[in-house]
């Protein structure tokens, strides 16, 4: 085989800063849950639920900016630098409006939304206390998503990693200060966790913007003029992003439904699942980073019209993704009690061990599925991507119905829905890459 545009080392060097970024970004919600351990199970369940609710809308924007990232990577591959700023500006304009609308929805209807999902009054009140403050991040948080996509698309992720590391450090420090009332600050409890997250996210956006101006990227890529808001660019970004937005939305809403059903089992079951979800998210960071790298790498080689490299590069990224996840899963399997005790009450650790084992198996499937599906999306195969999602979610909902309404009260069985979800994504994506006519479509479209 001829030499590919990206070696294993090239892929790892691109993915590592993204892994570091994702790790520290994930630490925000993880740290919130850890600090809530000191306040009680109800607060832990509440903050996990609202964090998931916030994540649903944040991931809509983040998934939308994957289209921006892919588009930027293609233009970078074509050496059309001036187009990159136009793409970025158009995305900022769209998501700025979206962020404002979501803020207003939660401002006026936040309690009604939470009441629809939560029955326990203590959990509901704690969740509302957190949401009242956390909703303000929607006014600027989406800008962070765009800047992450920009830095990822041009393969300049060092500033991105630095910004997110600082954000995580600031969040953890402010959590301690504001939740417990240190250094003369009032003891804000769960509201303090929300303020800590908001301030930390704002700091990361500032650092990313400063990096653009310091490196003069705004001049190189003609950014922030907002003079060329083009419907054709917005349409193209939206077409690329639609499958990822839908997949993210379906996945996160499925988690929301999953947790609302578990809440009806009891506070302990909700706490176990919330804590396992936090650990699951942290351990899955390498796979998430490799999926982001997939968008950049496949988008770049498409821009260079090197279509024969798409499958070999996807295979390399899957190998790296599974390799990193394998290391994480291996460590978790060797030290389960030590890992679980970081976030869990001692009283529920023993009951959580079977769920933890199920989550670790799901992570291996996730490592494959996330990379291969992002390749399908980057190819621009929108109808195929949407068809995959419809089939997958149908299977997933069917399994949830079986677990919650037929078998009932079997938390381990409910968690095996993750196996169904990611195995289905993998199989259907593989079938398309093997038998689909995507290469001919690419030749016609570029």
Protein backbone atom coordinates (compact mmCIF):
# COMPACT_ATOMS: atom_id res chain seq x y z
CA UNK A 1 0.00 0.00 0.00
CA UNK A 2 1.20 3.49 -0.81
CA UNK A 3 2.01 5.88 2.01
CA UNK A 4 -1.10 7.49 3.48
CA UNK A 5 -1.46 11.19 4.24
CA UNK A 6 -1.67 10.45 7.98
CA UNK A 7 0.54 7.92 9.77
CA UNK A 8 -0.44 6.29 13.06
CA UNK A 9 1.76 8.85 14.79
CA UNK A 10 0.13 11.76 12.92
CA UNK A 11 -3.31 10.57 14.02
CA UNK A 12 -2.23 10.14 17.63
CA UNK A 13 -0.58 13.58 17.70
CA UNK A 14 -3.79 15.14 16.38
CA UNK A 15 -6.00 13.15 18.75
CA UNK A 16 -3.97 13.51 21.96
CA UNK A 17 -4.65 17.23 22.51
CA UNK A 18 -8.30 16.50 21.76
CA UNK A 19 -8.25 13.72 24.35
CA UNK A 20 -6.72 16.08 26.89
CA UNK A 21 -9.31 18.73 26.00
CA UNK A 22 -12.21 16.32 26.25
CA UNK A 23 -10.90 14.91 29.52
CA UNK A 24 -10.74 18.30 31.20
CA UNK A 25 -14.02 19.37 29.62
CA UNK A 26 -15.73 16.29 30.98
CA UNK A 27 -14.25 17.03 34.41
CA UNK A 28 -16.69 19.95 34.72
CA UNK A 29 -19.77 17.77 35.12
CA UNK A 30 -17.73 15.04 36.82
CA UNK A 31 -16.43 17.51 39.42
CA UNK A 32 -19.94 18.83 40.01
CA UNK A 33 -21.16 15.31 40.82
CA UNK A 34 -18.14 14.63 43.08
CA UNK A 35 -18.77 17.79 45.10
CA UNK A 36 -22.49 16.96 45.33
CA UNK A 37 -21.46 13.72 47.04
CA UNK A 38 -20.94 15.87 50.14
CA UNK A 39 -24.50 17.21 49.96
CA UNK A 40 -26.47 13.97 49.40
CA UNK A 41 -27.92 11.48 46.90
CA UNK A 42 -30.79 13.79 45.90
CA UNK A 43 -28.36 16.58 44.95
CA UNK A 44 -26.20 14.10 43.03
CA UNK A 45 -29.18 12.83 41.08
CA UNK A 46 -30.45 16.36 40.45
CA UNK A 47 -27.17 17.77 39.17
CA UNK A 48 -26.58 14.72 36.96
CA UNK A 49 -30.03 15.09 35.43
CA UNK A 50 -29.75 18.81 34.74
CA UNK A 51 -26.18 18.37 33.49
CA UNK A 52 -27.54 15.81 31.03
CA UNK A 53 -30.35 18.18 30.04
CA UNK A 54 -27.80 20.97 29.48
CA UNK A 55 -25.59 18.55 27.59
CA UNK A 56 -28.43 17.66 25.22
CA UNK A 57 -28.69 21.25 23.99
CA UNK A 58 -24.95 21.86 24.11
CA UNK A 59 -24.36 18.73 22.03
CA UNK A 60 -26.90 19.91 19.47
CA UNK A 61 -24.67 22.92 18.89
CA UNK A 62 -21.49 20.87 19.16
CA UNK A 63 -22.79 18.34 16.64
CA UNK A 64 -23.86 21.15 14.34
CA UNK A 65 -20.35 22.55 14.45
CA UNK A 66 -19.02 19.15 13.35
CA UNK A 67 -20.37 20.18 9.94
CA UNK A 68 -18.38 23.37 10.32
CA UNK A 69 -15.28 21.39 11.27
CA UNK A 70 -15.65 19.06 8.27
CA UNK A 71 -16.27 21.99 5.91
CA UNK A 72 -13.24 23.86 7.30
CA UNK A 73 -11.05 20.74 6.99
CA UNK A 74 -12.07 20.36 3.34
CA UNK A 75 -11.29 24.00 2.56
CA UNK A 76 -7.99 23.64 4.39
CA UNK A 77 -7.23 20.60 2.23
CA UNK A 78 -8.12 22.62 -0.86
CA UNK A 79 -5.89 25.46 0.43
CA UNK A 80 -8.79 27.95 0.36
CA UNK A 81 -7.89 29.82 3.55
CA UNK A 82 -10.22 32.79 3.10
CA UNK A 83 -13.27 30.52 3.08
CA UNK A 84 -12.53 29.30 6.61
CA UNK A 85 -13.43 32.60 8.28
CA UNK A 86 -16.65 32.88 6.28
CA UNK A 87 -17.67 29.40 7.37
CA UNK A 88 -16.90 30.24 11.01
CA UNK A 89 -18.80 33.54 10.93
CA UNK A 90 -21.89 31.90 9.43
CA UNK A 91 -21.90 29.24 12.13
CA UNK A 92 -21.56 31.82 14.90
CA UNK A 93 -24.54 33.73 13.49
CA UNK A 94 -26.75 30.62 13.40
CA UNK A 95 -25.82 29.30 16.84
CA UNK A 96 -26.01 32.72 18.46
CA UNK A 97 -29.71 32.80 17.60
CA UNK A 98 -30.19 29.19 18.72
CA UNK A 99 -28.49 29.89 22.07
CA UNK A 100 -30.74 32.86 22.76
CA UNK A 101 -33.90 30.87 21.96
CA UNK A 102 -32.87 27.97 24.24
CA UNK A 103 -32.04 30.39 27.06
CA UNK A 104 -35.50 31.96 26.79
CA UNK A 105 -37.19 28.53 26.76
CA UNK A 106 -35.47 27.51 30.00
CA UNK A 107 -35.99 30.95 31.53
CA UNK A 108 -39.77 30.77 31.12
CA UNK A 109 -40.46 27.01 31.07
CA UNK A 110 -37.59 25.44 33.03
CA UNK A 111 -39.72 24.25 35.94
CA UNK A 112 -42.35 22.76 33.63
CA UNK A 113 -39.67 20.86 31.70
CA UNK A 114 -38.08 19.44 34.83
CA UNK A 115 -41.46 18.54 36.32
CA UNK A 116 -42.27 16.49 33.23
CA UNK A 117 -39.30 14.20 33.89
CA UNK A 118 -38.82 14.28 37.68
CA UNK A 119 -41.32 13.14 40.31
CA UNK A 120 -39.32 13.31 43.54
CA UNK A 121 -39.90 16.79 45.00
CA UNK A 122 -36.49 17.01 46.68
CA UNK A 123 -34.70 16.09 43.46
CA UNK A 124 -36.91 18.48 41.47
CA UNK A 125 -36.23 21.46 43.75
CA UNK A 126 -32.48 20.81 43.72
CA UNK A 127 -32.51 20.46 39.92
CA UNK A 128 -34.36 23.76 39.56
CA UNK A 129 -31.84 25.55 41.81
CA UNK A 130 -29.05 24.37 39.50
CA UNK A 131 -30.90 25.18 36.24
CA UNK A 132 -31.80 28.73 37.32
CA UNK A 133 -28.10 29.61 37.15
CA UNK A 134 -26.79 27.15 34.55
CA UNK A 135 -29.14 28.40 31.80
CA UNK A 136 -27.06 31.59 31.36
CA UNK A 137 -24.26 29.57 29.76
CA UNK A 138 -26.44 29.14 26.67
CA UNK A 139 -25.88 32.82 25.88
CA UNK A 140 -22.18 32.27 25.19
CA UNK A 141 -21.46 28.55 25.43
CA UNK A 142 -22.30 27.88 21.78
CA UNK A 143 -19.51 30.24 20.73
CA UNK A 144 -17.15 27.82 22.45
CA UNK A 145 -18.51 25.00 20.27
CA UNK A 146 -17.76 26.98 17.12
CA UNK A 147 -14.23 27.78 18.24
CA UNK A 148 -13.58 24.12 19.11
CA UNK A 149 -14.70 23.17 15.59
CA UNK A 150 -12.49 25.90 14.10
CA UNK A 151 -9.32 24.83 15.90
CA UNK A 152 -10.05 21.15 15.19
CA UNK A 153 -10.76 21.82 11.52
CA UNK A 154 -7.42 23.54 10.91
CA UNK A 155 -5.60 20.92 13.05
CA UNK A 156 -4.36 23.54 15.54
CA UNK A 157 -5.55 22.04 18.80
CA UNK A 158 -2.87 23.16 21.27
CA UNK A 159 -4.68 26.42 22.14
CA UNK A 160 -7.91 24.45 22.40
CA UNK A 161 -6.35 22.02 24.87
CA UNK A 162 -4.89 24.87 26.96
CA UNK A 163 -8.22 26.70 27.12
CA UNK A 164 -10.11 23.64 28.27
CA UNK A 165 -7.48 22.66 30.84
CA UNK A 166 -7.71 26.14 32.37
CA UNK A 167 -11.51 25.89 32.26
CA UNK A 168 -11.46 22.62 34.19
CA UNK A 169 -9.00 23.90 36.82
CA UNK A 170 -11.10 27.04 37.28
CA UNK A 171 -14.29 24.99 37.59
CA UNK A 172 -12.91 22.66 40.25
CA UNK A 173 -11.45 25.56 42.24
CA UNK A 174 -14.63 27.62 42.03
CA UNK A 175 -16.75 24.60 42.95
CA UNK A 176 -14.89 24.29 46.24
CA UNK A 177 -15.11 28.04 46.91
CA UNK A 178 -18.73 28.63 45.93
CA UNK A 179 -20.41 25.39 47.02
CA UNK A 180 -18.94 25.43 50.52
CA UNK A 181 -18.46 29.21 50.98
CA UNK A 182 -14.68 29.56 51.23
CA UNK A 183 -12.64 32.80 51.39
CA UNK A 184 -15.62 34.83 52.56
CA UNK A 185 -17.96 33.82 49.75
CA UNK A 186 -21.50 32.73 50.67
CA UNK A 187 -22.21 29.00 50.85
CA UNK A 188 -24.28 28.52 47.68
CA UNK A 189 -24.59 24.73 47.60
CA UNK A 190 -25.81 23.37 44.27
CA UNK A 191 -26.13 26.90 42.85
CA UNK A 192 -22.43 27.38 43.51
CA UNK A 193 -21.69 24.43 41.22
CA UNK A 194 -23.71 26.08 38.45
CA UNK A 195 -21.91 29.42 38.84
CA UNK A 196 -18.54 27.65 38.83
CA UNK A 197 -19.36 25.91 35.54
CA UNK A 198 -20.64 29.14 33.94
CA UNK A 199 -17.58 31.19 34.88
CA UNK A 200 -15.17 28.45 33.80
CA UNK A 201 -16.83 28.11 30.38
CA UNK A 202 -16.70 31.86 29.82
CA UNK A 203 -12.99 31.82 30.65
CA UNK A 204 -12.33 29.09 28.07
CA UNK A 205 -14.12 31.07 25.34
CA UNK A 206 -12.00 34.11 26.15
CA UNK A 207 -8.76 32.09 25.89
CA UNK A 208 -9.76 30.57 22.55
CA UNK A 209 -10.61 34.00 21.14
CA UNK A 210 -7.32 35.39 22.47
CA UNK A 211 -5.46 32.54 20.72
CA UNK A 212 -7.01 33.49 17.39
CA UNK A 213 -5.94 37.12 17.69
CA UNK A 214 -2.51 36.32 19.12
CA UNK A 215 -1.71 33.99 16.21
CA UNK A 216 -3.34 36.40 13.72
CA UNK A 217 -5.62 33.65 12.45
CA UNK A 218 -8.40 36.23 12.14
CA UNK A 219 -6.40 37.90 9.35
CA UNK A 220 -5.27 34.68 7.67
CA UNK A 221 -8.79 33.29 7.55
CA UNK A 222 -10.72 36.60 7.32
CA UNK A 223 -12.68 35.96 10.51
CA UNK A 224 -15.24 38.00 12.47
CA UNK A 225 -16.18 40.47 9.74
CA UNK A 226 -19.71 39.01 9.45
CA UNK A 227 -20.06 40.73 6.08
CA UNK A 228 -20.50 37.51 4.14
CA UNK A 229 -23.40 35.73 5.81
CA UNK A 230 -24.29 33.30 3.03
CA UNK A 231 -27.32 31.02 2.94
CA UNK A 232 -25.43 28.60 0.68
CA UNK A 233 -22.75 28.15 3.38
CA UNK A 234 -25.33 27.72 6.14
CA UNK A 235 -27.18 25.20 3.98
CA UNK A 236 -24.00 23.23 3.26
CA UNK A 237 -22.95 23.18 6.93
CA UNK A 238 -26.47 22.13 7.92
CA UNK A 239 -26.53 19.31 5.36
CA UNK A 240 -23.25 17.90 6.67
CA UNK A 241 -24.23 18.37 10.31
CA UNK A 242 -27.83 17.11 10.19
CA UNK A 243 -27.04 13.41 10.74
CA UNK A 244 -24.67 14.16 13.63
CA UNK A 245 -27.13 16.58 15.23
CA UNK A 246 -29.89 14.00 14.96
CA UNK A 247 -27.68 11.20 16.25
CA UNK A 248 -26.56 13.35 19.18
CA UNK A 249 -30.09 14.51 19.90
CA UNK A 250 -31.51 11.00 19.71
CA UNK A 251 -28.72 9.62 21.86
CA UNK A 252 -29.00 12.28 24.53
CA UNK A 253 -32.80 12.30 24.60
CA UNK A 254 -32.60 8.53 24.91
CA UNK A 255 -30.32 9.04 27.94
CA UNK A 256 -32.81 11.55 29.34
CA UNK A 257 -35.70 9.10 28.94
CA UNK A 258 -33.48 6.33 30.30
CA UNK A 259 -32.73 8.33 33.45
CA UNK A 260 -36.32 9.45 33.92
CA UNK A 261 -37.39 5.79 33.81
CA UNK A 262 -34.65 4.83 36.26
CA UNK A 263 -35.71 7.64 38.61
CA UNK A 264 -39.03 5.83 38.95
CA UNK A 265 -37.12 2.77 40.24
CA UNK A 266 -35.79 4.81 43.16
CA UNK A 267 -33.22 7.36 44.31
CA UNK A 268 -30.51 4.71 44.77
CA UNK A 269 -30.92 3.36 41.23
CA UNK A 270 -30.79 6.90 39.87
CA UNK A 271 -27.63 7.67 41.85
CA UNK A 272 -25.93 4.46 40.64
CA UNK A 273 -26.78 5.13 37.01
CA UNK A 274 -25.85 8.83 37.23
CA UNK A 275 -22.45 8.02 38.68
CA UNK A 276 -21.77 5.21 36.20
CA UNK A 277 -22.73 7.59 33.38
CA UNK A 278 -20.15 10.13 34.58
CA UNK A 279 -17.41 7.49 34.72
CA UNK A 280 -18.55 6.05 31.37
CA UNK A 281 -18.22 9.50 29.80
CA UNK A 282 -14.70 10.01 31.18
CA UNK A 283 -13.48 6.57 30.08
CA UNK A 284 -14.97 7.13 26.62
CA UNK A 285 -12.94 10.28 25.98
CA UNK A 286 -10.36 8.64 23.65
CA UNK A 287 -13.11 7.34 21.37
CA UNK A 288 -14.79 10.75 21.31
CA UNK A 289 -11.47 12.43 20.47
CA UNK A 290 -10.76 9.94 17.67
CA UNK A 291 -14.22 10.63 16.24
CA UNK A 292 -13.39 14.36 16.18
CA UNK A 293 -10.05 13.59 14.54
CA UNK A 294 -11.94 11.47 11.99
CA UNK A 295 -13.96 14.49 10.88
CA UNK A 296 -10.78 16.51 10.32
CA UNK A 297 -8.70 13.76 8.69
CA UNK A 298 -11.38 12.36 6.37
CA UNK A 299 -12.56 15.89 5.51
CA UNK A 300 -8.99 16.90 4.67
CA UNK A 301 -8.30 13.95 2.37
CA UNK A 302 -11.64 14.50 0.65
CA UNK A 303 -10.56 18.10 0.02
CA UNK A 304 -7.34 16.73 -1.51
CA UNK A 305 -9.39 14.21 -3.55
CA UNK A 306 -7.50 11.25 -2.08
CA UNK A 307 -10.56 9.04 -1.88
CA UNK A 308 -8.63 5.76 -1.81
CA UNK A 309 -7.21 6.73 1.60
CA UNK A 310 -10.59 6.96 3.33
CA UNK A 311 -11.03 3.30 4.27
CA UNK A 312 -7.39 2.67 5.32
CA UNK A 313 -7.36 5.84 7.44
CA UNK A 314 -10.67 4.89 9.05
CA UNK A 315 -9.20 1.47 9.90
CA UNK A 316 -6.16 3.13 11.47
CA UNK A 317 -8.33 5.40 13.59
CA UNK A 318 -10.46 2.47 14.76
CA UNK A 319 -7.32 0.57 15.79
CA UNK A 320 -6.05 3.58 17.75
CA UNK A 321 -9.46 4.24 19.30
CA UNK A 322 -9.90 0.63 20.44
CA UNK A 323 -6.29 0.59 21.68
CA UNK A 324 -6.77 3.63 23.93
CA UNK A 325 -10.17 2.45 25.15
CA UNK A 326 -8.70 -0.98 25.83
CA UNK A 327 -6.12 0.59 28.14
CA UNK A 328 -8.79 2.60 29.98
CA UNK A 329 -11.13 -0.38 30.28
CA UNK A 330 -8.27 -2.60 31.48
CA UNK A 331 -7.35 -0.17 34.25
CA UNK A 332 -11.02 0.18 35.24
CA UNK A 333 -11.41 -3.59 35.38
CA UNK A 334 -8.35 -3.96 37.61
CA UNK A 335 -9.30 -1.12 40.00
CA UNK A 336 -13.13 -0.91 39.94
CA UNK A 337 -13.61 -0.18 43.64
CA UNK A 338 -11.00 2.58 43.67
CA UNK A 339 -12.55 4.26 40.61
CA UNK A 340 -16.13 3.97 41.81
CA UNK A 341 -15.26 5.29 45.29
CA UNK A 342 -14.09 8.57 43.74
CA UNK A 343 -17.65 9.53 42.98
CA UNK A 344 -19.99 7.08 44.71
CA UNK A 345 -21.38 6.75 48.19
CA UNK A 346 -19.88 3.64 49.83
CA UNK A 347 -23.35 2.22 50.38
CA UNK A 348 -24.07 1.78 46.66
CA UNK A 349 -20.67 0.68 45.31
CA UNK A 350 -21.31 -3.05 45.65
CA UNK A 351 -24.64 -2.81 43.82
CA UNK A 352 -23.04 -0.80 41.02
CA UNK A 353 -20.35 -3.35 40.07
CA UNK A 354 -22.50 -5.37 37.59
CA UNK A 355 -23.60 -2.12 35.90
CA UNK A 356 -19.99 -0.97 35.71
CA UNK A 357 -18.99 -4.20 33.89
CA UNK A 358 -21.80 -3.70 31.36
CA UNK A 359 -20.67 -0.11 30.75
CA UNK A 360 -17.07 -1.22 30.14
CA UNK A 361 -18.16 -3.63 27.39
CA UNK A 362 -20.29 -0.87 25.86
CA UNK A 363 -17.20 1.36 25.73
CA UNK A 364 -15.39 -1.04 23.40
CA UNK A 365 -18.35 -1.01 21.02
CA UNK A 366 -18.47 2.79 21.29
CA UNK A 367 -14.77 3.02 20.34
CA UNK A 368 -15.51 1.37 16.99
CA UNK A 369 -18.94 2.84 16.29
CA UNK A 370 -18.09 6.48 16.94
CA UNK A 371 -15.17 6.50 14.48
CA UNK A 372 -16.87 4.57 11.70
CA UNK A 373 -20.12 6.52 11.87
CA UNK A 374 -18.24 9.82 11.77
CA UNK A 375 -16.54 8.61 8.59
CA UNK A 376 -19.96 7.97 7.03
CA UNK A 377 -21.13 11.43 8.04
CA UNK A 378 -17.95 13.13 6.76
CA UNK A 379 -18.51 11.48 3.39
CA UNK A 380 -21.68 13.57 3.13
CA UNK A 381 -23.97 10.52 2.91
CA UNK A 382 -26.86 12.29 4.65
CA UNK A 383 -29.71 9.97 3.70
CA UNK A 384 -27.70 6.92 4.66
CA UNK A 385 -26.68 8.48 8.00
CA UNK A 386 -30.28 9.34 8.78
CA UNK A 387 -31.44 5.85 7.79
CA UNK A 388 -28.83 4.33 10.11
CA UNK A 389 -30.03 6.50 12.97
CA UNK A 390 -33.70 5.63 12.44
CA UNK A 391 -32.98 1.91 12.43
CA UNK A 392 -30.71 2.17 15.47
CA UNK A 393 -33.09 4.20 17.59
CA UNK A 394 -35.97 1.88 16.70
CA UNK A 395 -33.97 -1.09 17.99
CA UNK A 396 -32.90 0.88 21.06
CA UNK A 397 -36.42 2.01 22.00
CA UNK A 398 -37.71 -1.49 21.48
CA UNK A 399 -35.12 -2.84 23.88
CA UNK A 400 -35.87 -0.13 26.48
CA UNK A 401 -39.57 -1.00 26.29
CA UNK A 402 -38.71 -4.64 26.90
CA UNK A 403 -36.38 -3.83 29.80
CA UNK A 404 -38.57 -1.29 31.62
CA UNK A 405 -42.13 -2.38 30.88
CA UNK A 406 -41.96 -6.14 30.36
CA UNK A 407 -39.07 -7.39 32.52
CA UNK A 408 -39.18 -4.36 34.90
CA UNK A 409 -36.84 -3.40 37.77
CA UNK A 410 -33.77 -4.96 36.17
CA UNK A 411 -31.16 -2.17 36.11
CA UNK A 412 -28.47 -4.39 34.56
CA UNK A 413 -30.71 -5.36 31.66
CA UNK A 414 -31.67 -1.72 31.06
CA UNK A 415 -27.99 -0.75 30.81
CA UNK A 416 -27.43 -3.41 28.11
CA UNK A 417 -29.35 -1.10 25.79
CA UNK A 418 -25.96 0.56 25.20
CA UNK A 419 -24.77 -2.68 23.62
CA UNK A 420 -27.72 -2.68 21.23
CA UNK A 421 -27.19 0.97 20.33
CA UNK A 422 -23.49 0.94 19.46
CA UNK A 423 -23.45 -2.53 17.91
CA UNK A 424 -26.24 -1.45 15.55
CA UNK A 425 -24.38 1.74 14.57
CA UNK A 426 -21.22 -0.27 13.83
CA UNK A 427 -22.88 -2.96 11.71
CA UNK A 428 -24.95 -0.56 9.59
CA UNK A 429 -22.02 1.83 9.03
CA UNK A 430 -19.76 -1.05 7.98
CA UNK A 431 -22.35 -2.28 5.51
CA UNK A 432 -22.51 1.14 3.87
CA UNK A 433 -18.75 1.56 3.62
CA UNK A 434 -18.46 -1.94 2.14
CA UNK A 435 -21.34 -1.89 -0.32
CA UNK A 436 -22.33 1.78 -0.78
CA UNK A 437 -21.49 3.93 -3.81
CA UNK A 438 -20.08 6.77 -1.72
CA UNK A 439 -16.88 7.09 -3.75
CA UNK A 440 -18.77 7.82 -6.97
CA UNK A 441 -20.91 10.38 -5.14
CA UNK A 442 -17.80 12.13 -3.84
CA UNK A 443 -16.30 12.34 -7.31
CA UNK A 444 -19.47 13.95 -8.62
CA UNK A 445 -19.96 16.37 -5.72
CA UNK A 446 -16.46 17.90 -5.49
